[in-house]
Every structure is written in structure tokens, then in C-alpha cells.
C-alpha atoms as a PDB file:
ATOM      1  CA  MET A   1     -79.514   1.103 -48.608  1.00  0.00           C
ATOM      2  CA  GLY A   2     -76.340   1.496 -50.511  1.00  0.00           C
ATOM      3  CA  GLY A   3     -75.560   4.890 -48.867  1.00  0.00           C
ATOM      4  CA  ARG A   4     -76.040   3.433 -45.395  1.00  0.00           C
ATOM      5  CA  VAL A   5     -73.613   0.575 -46.080  1.00  0.00           C
ATOM      6  CA  ALA A   6     -71.069   3.085 -47.359  1.00  0.00           C
ATOM      7  CA  ARG A   7     -71.319   5.207 -44.176  1.00  0.00           C
ATOM      8  CA  VAL A   8     -70.895   2.103 -41.994  1.00  0.00           C
ATOM      9  CA  ALA A   9     -67.858   1.065 -43.985  1.00  0.00           C
ATOM     10  CA  ARG A  10     -66.290   4.520 -43.676  1.00  0.00           C
ATOM     11  CA  THR A  11     -66.940   4.487 -39.901  1.00  0.00           C
ATOM     12  CA  TRP A  12     -65.263   1.144 -39.470  1.00  0.00           C
ATOM     13  CA  ALA A  13     -62.351   2.298 -41.543  1.00  0.00           C
ATOM     14  CA  VAL A  14     -61.806   5.311 -39.289  1.00  0.00           C
ATOM     15  CA  VAL A  15     -62.111   3.164 -36.105  1.00  0.00           C
ATOM     16  CA  LEU A  16     -59.640   0.643 -37.422  1.00  0.00           C
ATOM     17  CA  GLY A  17     -57.243   3.406 -38.450  1.00  0.00           C
ATOM     18  CA  VAL A  18     -57.330   4.954 -34.954  1.00  0.00           C
ATOM     19  CA  VAL A  19     -56.774   1.561 -33.276  1.00  0.00           C
ATOM     20  CA  ALA A  20     -53.864   0.780 -35.576  1.00  0.00           C
ATOM     21  CA  ALA A  21     -52.280   4.175 -34.980  1.00  0.00           C
ATOM     22  CA  SER A  22     -52.611   3.885 -31.189  1.00  0.00           C
ATOM     23  CA  ALA A  23     -51.026   0.427 -31.304  1.00  0.00           C
ATOM     24  CA  LEU A  24     -48.078   1.553 -33.400  1.00  0.00           C
ATOM     25  CA  LEU A  25     -47.196   4.782 -31.552  1.00  0.00           C
ATOM     26  CA  PRO A  26     -46.024   3.212 -28.231  1.00  0.00           C
ATOM     27  CA  ALA A  27     -44.126   0.554 -30.104  1.00  0.00           C
ATOM     28  CA  ALA A  28     -41.534   2.966 -31.486  1.00  0.00           C
ATOM     29  CA  PRO A  29     -40.088   4.117 -28.146  1.00  0.00           C
ATOM     30  CA  ALA A  30     -40.204   0.556 -26.764  1.00  0.00           C
ATOM     31  CA  ALA A  31     -38.153  -0.782 -29.666  1.00  0.00           C
ATOM     32  CA  ALA A  32     -35.619   2.033 -29.221  1.00  0.00           C
ATOM     33  CA  HIS A  33     -35.084   1.240 -25.504  1.00  0.00           C
ATOM     34  CA  ASN A  34     -32.583  -1.570 -25.043  1.00  0.00           C
ATOM     35  CA  SER A  35     -32.569  -4.131 -22.206  1.00  0.00           C
ATOM     36  CA  LEU A  36     -30.881  -7.373 -21.142  1.00  0.00           C
ATOM     37  CA  THR A  37     -32.733 -10.531 -22.264  1.00  0.00           C
ATOM     38  CA  GLY A  38     -30.420 -13.241 -20.969  1.00  0.00           C
ATOM     39  CA  SER A  39     -26.888 -14.212 -19.903  1.00  0.00           C
ATOM     40  CA  ASP A  40     -24.519 -17.149 -19.614  1.00  0.00           C
ATOM     41  CA  PRO A  41     -23.996 -17.865 -16.749  1.00  0.00           C
ATOM     42  CA  ARG A  42     -27.501 -16.911 -15.769  1.00  0.00           C
ATOM     43  CA  ASP A  43     -28.182 -14.552 -12.867  1.00  0.00           C
ATOM     44  CA  GLY A  44     -27.974 -16.379  -9.519  1.00  0.00           C
ATOM     45  CA  ALA A  45     -26.177 -19.476 -10.882  1.00  0.00           C
ATOM     46  CA  ARG A  46     -23.814 -21.575  -8.746  1.00  0.00           C
ATOM     47  CA  LEU A  47     -20.978 -23.129 -10.744  1.00  0.00           C
ATOM     48  CA  ALA A  48     -18.597 -25.887  -9.686  1.00  0.00           C
ATOM     49  CA  ALA A  49     -16.313 -25.017 -12.645  1.00  0.00           C
ATOM     50  CA  ALA A  50     -15.513 -21.456 -13.717  1.00  0.00           C
ATOM     51  CA  PRO A  51     -16.613 -20.518 -17.259  1.00  0.00           C
ATOM     52  CA  GLU A  52     -14.117 -19.317 -19.856  1.00  0.00           C
ATOM     53  CA  ARG A  53     -16.240 -16.385 -20.897  1.00  0.00           C
ATOM     54  CA  ILE A  54     -19.390 -14.467 -19.925  1.00  0.00           C
ATOM     55  CA  GLU A  55     -22.101 -13.717 -22.513  1.00  0.00           C
ATOM     56  CA  LEU A  56     -24.734 -10.987 -22.290  1.00  0.00           C
ATOM     57  CA  ARG A  57     -27.733 -10.927 -24.641  1.00  0.00           C
ATOM     58  CA  PHE A  58     -29.708  -7.729 -25.321  1.00  0.00           C
ATOM     59  CA  LEU A  59     -33.003  -6.784 -26.922  1.00  0.00           C
ATOM     60  CA  ALA A  60     -31.303  -4.517 -29.456  1.00  0.00           C
ATOM     61  CA  THR A  61     -27.816  -4.507 -30.916  1.00  0.00           C
ATOM     62  CA  PRO A  62     -25.464  -2.740 -28.440  1.00  0.00           C
ATOM     63  CA  LYS A  63     -22.948  -0.211 -29.743  1.00  0.00           C
ATOM     64  CA  LYS A  64     -19.310  -0.934 -29.040  1.00  0.00           C
ATOM     65  CA  ALA A  65     -18.477   2.727 -28.366  1.00  0.00           C
ATOM     66  CA  THR A  66     -21.116   3.147 -25.621  1.00  0.00           C
ATOM     67  CA  THR A  67     -21.040  -0.320 -23.989  1.00  0.00           C
ATOM     68  CA  GLU A  68     -19.087  -1.081 -20.803  1.00  0.00           C
ATOM     69  CA  VAL A  69     -18.833  -4.472 -19.056  1.00  0.00           C
ATOM     70  CA  THR A  70     -16.855  -5.121 -15.887  1.00  0.00           C
ATOM     71  CA  VAL A  71     -16.433  -8.304 -13.834  1.00  0.00           C
ATOM     72  CA  THR A  72     -15.349  -8.329 -10.180  1.00  0.00           C
ATOM     73  CA  GLY A  73     -14.814 -11.223  -7.813  1.00  0.00           C
ATOM     74  CA  PRO A  74     -14.345 -11.662  -4.048  1.00  0.00           C
ATOM     75  CA  ASP A  75     -12.708  -8.688  -2.279  1.00  0.00           C
ATOM     76  CA  ASN A  76     -13.584  -6.553  -5.352  1.00  0.00           C
ATOM     77  CA  VAL A  77     -10.774  -8.117  -7.443  1.00  0.00           C
ATOM     78  CA  ALA A  78     -11.109  -7.583 -11.194  1.00  0.00           C
ATOM     79  CA  ALA A  79     -11.909 -10.807 -13.066  1.00  0.00           C
ATOM     80  CA  THR A  80     -12.098  -9.527 -16.652  1.00  0.00           C
ATOM     81  CA  GLY A  81      -9.709 -11.432 -18.912  1.00  0.00           C
ATOM     82  CA  GLY A  82      -9.758  -8.993 -21.853  1.00  0.00           C
ATOM     83  CA  ALA A  83     -11.809  -6.600 -23.937  1.00  0.00           C
ATOM     84  CA  PRO A  84     -15.466  -7.521 -24.781  1.00  0.00           C
ATOM     85  CA  THR A  85     -16.355  -8.753 -28.253  1.00  0.00           C
ATOM     86  CA  PHE A  86     -19.599  -7.924 -30.071  1.00  0.00           C
ATOM     87  CA  ALA A  87     -21.646 -10.219 -32.333  1.00  0.00           C
ATOM     88  CA  GLY A  88     -25.114  -8.898 -33.180  1.00  0.00           C
ATOM     89  CA  LYS A  89     -27.081  -8.560 -29.964  1.00  0.00           C
ATOM     90  CA  ARG A  90     -24.511 -10.519 -27.922  1.00  0.00           C
ATOM     91  CA  VAL A  91     -21.552  -9.200 -25.922  1.00  0.00           C
ATOM     92  CA  THR A  92     -18.911 -11.695 -24.771  1.00  0.00           C
ATOM     93  CA  VAL A  93     -16.255 -10.978 -22.109  1.00  0.00           C
ATOM     94  CA  PRO A  94     -13.291 -13.305 -21.319  1.00  0.00           C
ATOM     95  CA  PHE A  95     -13.454 -14.478 -17.678  1.00  0.00           C
ATOM     96  CA  ARG A  96     -10.428 -14.700 -15.417  1.00  0.00           C
ATOM     97  CA  PRO A  97     -11.453 -16.641 -12.284  1.00  0.00           C
ATOM     98  CA  GLY A  98      -9.742 -16.171  -8.930  1.00  0.00           C
ATOM     99  CA  ALA A  99     -10.865 -17.193  -5.474  1.00  0.00           C
ATOM    100  CA  ALA A 100     -14.068 -19.105  -4.917  1.00  0.00           C
ATOM    101  CA  GLY A 101     -17.032 -16.843  -4.125  1.00  0.00           C
ATOM    102  CA  LEU A 102     -19.437 -14.300  -5.584  1.00  0.00           C
ATOM    103  CA  TYR A 103     -18.758 -12.674  -8.997  1.00  0.00           C
ATOM    104  CA  ILE A 104     -20.629  -9.580 -10.204  1.00  0.00           C
ATOM    105  CA  VAL A 105     -20.980  -8.655 -13.901  1.00  0.00           C
ATOM    106  CA  THR A 106     -21.910  -4.978 -14.332  1.00  0.00           C
ATOM    107  CA  TYR A 107     -23.029  -3.608 -17.739  1.00  0.00           C
ATOM    108  CA  ARG A 108     -23.783  -0.111 -18.971  1.00  0.00           C
ATOM    109  CA  LEU A 109     -24.786   0.949 -22.481  1.00  0.00           C
ATOM    110  CA  ALA A 110     -26.813   3.564 -24.333  1.00  0.00           C
ATOM    111  CA  SER A 111     -30.093   2.881 -26.115  1.00  0.00           C
ATOM    112  CA  ASP A 112     -31.020   4.281 -29.514  1.00  0.00           C
ATOM    113  CA  ASP A 113     -33.426   6.664 -27.755  1.00  0.00           C
ATOM    114  CA  GLY A 114     -30.514   8.116 -25.691  1.00  0.00           C
ATOM    115  CA  HIS A 115     -31.477   6.578 -22.366  1.00  0.00           C
ATOM    116  CA  PRO A 116     -28.650   4.767 -20.524  1.00  0.00           C
ATOM    117  CA  VAL A 117     -29.257   1.112 -19.623  1.00  0.00           C
ATOM    118  CA  LYS A 118     -27.348  -0.396 -16.731  1.00  0.00           C
ATOM    119  CA  GLY A 119     -27.636  -3.467 -14.534  1.00  0.00           C
ATOM    120  CA  GLU A 120     -25.773  -6.468 -13.205  1.00  0.00           C
ATOM    121  CA  ILE A 121     -25.921 -10.242 -12.932  1.00  0.00           C
ATOM    122  CA  ARG A 122     -24.401 -12.296 -10.106  1.00  0.00           C
ATOM    123  CA  PHE A 123     -23.152 -15.837 -10.004  1.00  0.00           C
ATOM    124  CA  THR A 124     -21.088 -17.912  -7.555  1.00  0.00           C
ATOM    125  CA  VAL A 125     -18.041 -20.069  -8.324  1.00  0.00           C
ATOM    126  CA  THR A 126     -17.695 -22.762  -5.651  1.00  0.00           C
ATOM    127  CA  THR A 127     -14.091 -23.754  -6.499  1.00  0.00           C
ATOM    128  CA  GLY A 128     -11.086 -21.513  -6.803  1.00  0.00           C
ATOM    129  CA  THR A 129      -7.797 -20.418  -5.225  1.00  0.00           C
ATOM    130  CA  PRO A 130      -8.188 -20.465  -1.407  1.00  0.00           C
ATOM    131  CA  ALA A 131      -7.144 -17.361   0.533  1.00  0.00           C
ATOM    132  CA  GLU A 132      -3.773 -17.612   2.324  1.00  0.00           C
ATOM    133  CA  SER A 133      -4.111 -18.122   6.069  1.00  0.00           C
ATOM    134  CA  PRO A 134      -2.453 -15.330   8.107  1.00  0.00           C
ATOM    135  CA  SER A 135      -1.734 -17.673  11.052  1.00  0.00           C
ATOM    136  CA  ALA A 136       0.754 -19.792   9.062  1.00  0.00           C
ATOM    137  CA  SER A 137       3.733 -17.688  10.240  1.00  0.00           C
ATOM    138  CA  ALA A 138       2.640 -17.441  13.880  1.00  0.00           C
ATOM    139  CA  PRO A 139       4.368 -20.561  15.417  1.00  0.00           C
ATOM    140  CA  PRO A 140       7.998 -19.444  14.645  1.00  0.00           C
ATOM    141  CA  THR A 141       7.516 -16.065  16.322  1.00  0.00           C
ATOM    142  CA  SER A 142       5.898 -17.551  19.443  1.00  0.00           C
ATOM    143  CA  ALA A 143       8.587 -20.230  19.861  1.00  0.00           C
ATOM    144  CA  ALA A 144      11.527 -17.746  19.961  1.00  0.00           C
ATOM    145  CA  PRO A 145      11.005 -16.392  23.568  1.00  0.00           C
ATOM    146  CA  ALA A 146      10.864 -19.940  25.017  1.00  0.00           C
ATOM    147  CA  THR A 147      14.395 -20.749  23.879  1.00  0.00           C
ATOM    148  CA  SER A 148      15.815 -17.424  25.059  1.00  0.00           C
ATOM    149  CA  THR A 149      14.383 -17.727  28.576  1.00  0.00           C
ATOM    150  CA  ALA A 150      15.631 -21.320  29.043  1.00  0.00           C
ATOM    151  CA  LEU A 151      19.322 -20.384  28.747  1.00  0.00           C
ATOM    152  CA  PRO A 152      19.668 -18.066  31.784  1.00  0.00           C
ATOM    153  CA  THR A 153      17.825 -20.471  34.126  1.00  0.00           C
ATOM    154  CA  ASN A 154      20.204 -23.327  33.271  1.00  0.00           C
ATOM    155  CA  ALA A 155      23.334 -21.197  33.556  1.00  0.00           C
ATOM    156  CA  ALA A 156      22.405 -19.266  36.760  1.00  0.00           C
ATOM    157  CA  PRO A 157      23.217 -21.886  39.505  1.00  0.00           C
ATOM    158  CA  SER A 158      26.897 -22.268  38.526  1.00  0.00           C
ATOM    159  CA  PRO A 159      28.346 -18.914  39.707  1.00  0.00           C
ATOM    160  CA  THR A 160      26.887 -19.123  43.261  1.00  0.00           C
ATOM    161  CA  PRO A 161      28.696 -22.277  44.535  1.00  0.00           C
ATOM    162  CA  ALA A 162      31.962 -21.054  43.015  1.00  0.00           C
ATOM    163  CA  ALA A 163      31.770 -17.744  44.896  1.00  0.00           C
ATOM    164  CA  ALA A 164      30.855 -19.518  48.127  1.00  0.00           C
ATOM    165  CA  GLY A 165      33.737 -21.914  47.736  1.00  0.00           C
ATOM    166  CA  ALA A 166      36.158 -19.079  47.167  1.00  0.00           C
ATOM    167  CA  ASP A 167      35.002 -17.326  50.309  1.00  0.00           C
ATOM    168  CA  ASP A 168      35.305 -20.505  52.377  1.00  0.00           C
ATOM    169  CA  ASP A 169      38.853 -21.225  51.143  1.00  0.00           C
ATOM    170  CA  GLY A 170      39.959 -17.682  51.869  1.00  0.00           C
ATOM    171  CA  GLY A 171      38.540 -17.812  55.467  1.00  0.00           C
ATOM    172  CA  THR A 172      40.212 -21.120  56.385  1.00  0.00           C
ATOM    173  CA  GLY A 173      43.522 -19.895  54.943  1.00  0.00           C
ATOM    174  CA  TRP A 174      43.580 -16.909  57.296  1.00  0.00           C
ATOM    175  CA  LEU A 175      42.787 -19.139  60.246  1.00  0.00           C
ATOM    176  CA  TRP A 176      45.724 -21.486  59.462  1.00  0.00           C
ATOM    177  CA  ALA A 177      48.087 -18.506  59.062  1.00  0.00           C
ATOM    178  CA  ALA A 178      47.030 -17.019  62.432  1.00  0.00           C
ATOM    179  CA  GLY A 179      47.471 -20.429  64.144  1.00  0.00           C
ATOM    180  CA  ALA A 180      50.964 -20.806  62.713  1.00  0.00           C
ATOM    181  CA  VAL A 181      51.955 -17.333  63.996  1.00  0.00           C
ATOM    182  CA  VAL A 182      50.708 -18.221  67.486  1.00  0.00           C
ATOM    183  CA  VAL A 183      52.625 -21.531  67.478  1.00  0.00           C
ATOM    184  CA  LEU A 184      55.815 -19.841  66.277  1.00  0.00           C
ATOM    185  CA  ALA A 185      55.490 -17.128  68.933  1.00  0.00           C
ATOM    186  CA  ALA A 186      55.041 -19.758  71.667  1.00  0.00           C
ATOM    187  CA  LEU A 187      58.091 -21.724  70.486  1.00  0.00           C
ATOM    188  CA  GLY A 188      60.188 -18.574  70.325  1.00  0.00           C
ATOM    189  CA  GLY A 189      59.153 -17.570  73.824  1.00  0.00           C
ATOM    190  CA  GLY A 190      59.911 -21.045  75.159  1.00  0.00           C
ATOM    191  CA  LEU A 191      63.451 -20.992  73.661  1.00  0.00           C
ATOM    192  CA  LEU A 192      64.178 -17.605  75.177  1.00  0.00           C
ATOM    193  CA  LEU A 193      63.103 -18.766  78.659  1.00  0.00           C
ATOM    194  CA  ARG A 194      65.216 -21.872  78.360  1.00  0.00           C
ATOM    195  CA  ARG A 195      68.366 -19.882  77.394  1.00  0.00           C
ATOM    196  CA  ARG A 196      67.906 -17.551  80.338  1.00  0.00           C
ATOM    197  CA  ALA A 197      67.526 -20.512  82.660  1.00  0.00           C
ATOM    198  CA  THR A 198      70.761 -22.099  81.434  1.00  0.00           C
ATOM    199  CA  ARG A 199      72.720 -18.861  81.876  1.00  0.00           C
ATOM    200  CA  ARG A 200      71.832 -18.621  85.578  1.00  0.00           C
END
């Protein structure tokens, strides 16, 4: 009886040992592989006010030498306000907001097992610096041709009457001169005929 109990006990000991070993073996690589566990702002958030900093939280402590964090805003403009700081499993990056729109935080780091870990979170800032309108300088350029075309139309009528008046004055002057010559010739002829008549 006692031998049978001893064999059962040894069997259970072996079974429990195998189960415990199989449970512990996969846990070692999983613990060595890092991953993102949370962020502030959270992924997909919509913010009326821009945050001062962005915080990333990881499963394991990230190494400063192998961790990179970048922040870009609308039109792919950099929005990182300085170098990241590390505190345990948290990485904090100063945020420099710009125009309202979508901001993308990209991270890349190396796990203890050598595998690179990378990903991104996205959030939207609904207030910011509005983009400058390109049509603001359009009215001055379009108004310039209107003033330049108005000047010739107002000044054009004046030379035509002047030229016509000069031609008319010149024509009547020649007519008066020709009439005076005819009158003088007639008077001269009349005087000559009268002298000849008196001599006879």
C-alpha cells in the first residue's frame, strides 16, 4: 500500500514539474520583447487644446541609446519641442504644436531580445495656427490693368477735333487769299481801262 502511494506521488511530481517547465519557458521570450502599453494623448484622441508633452508607456524599460521618437504635424512639419526624457518605462517628448490637424507620433526601440519594436499613435488638435490664404494678394494685381486702360480712352478724343480745326482754318485762309487776289486783279484792270479811255 505504501509503495503504491509513493509511486503515485512520484508520478504527480513529474507531471507537475513538466507543466511548470512548459509554463515558464515561453514566458522568458515574452518578457524580453517590449511593446507599447499606453500613451498620453491616447491613440485616436481629438484635443481642443494642444498638450505640452507626449508620454509613451512601454512594457519594459526602454533604453535611451536605442529609442527614437518623432512627432510630425500637418504637411509633415516637425512638432518635437526637444529631446525625449526617460523615467522607468515612460518616455516623454516635449510637444511643439503648429497648425490644427492630425499629428503622428512615431517610435522605434530595441527589445532586450534584439528585436526592433516600432509603431505610431495619432491624435488630432482642433485648434491651431490657420494656414495663410494664397488669395489675399490677388486683388491688387487684378486692379492694376483697369486703371491703365482707362487713361487712353479718356485722352483719345482730344487730338481729333484739334486736327480737324487746323485743317478747316488752313482751307478757309487759302480761299480768302485767292479771293483777294481776284479782287485786286479786277481793280487793277479797271484802272488801266479808265486811264486808256481818258487819254483818247
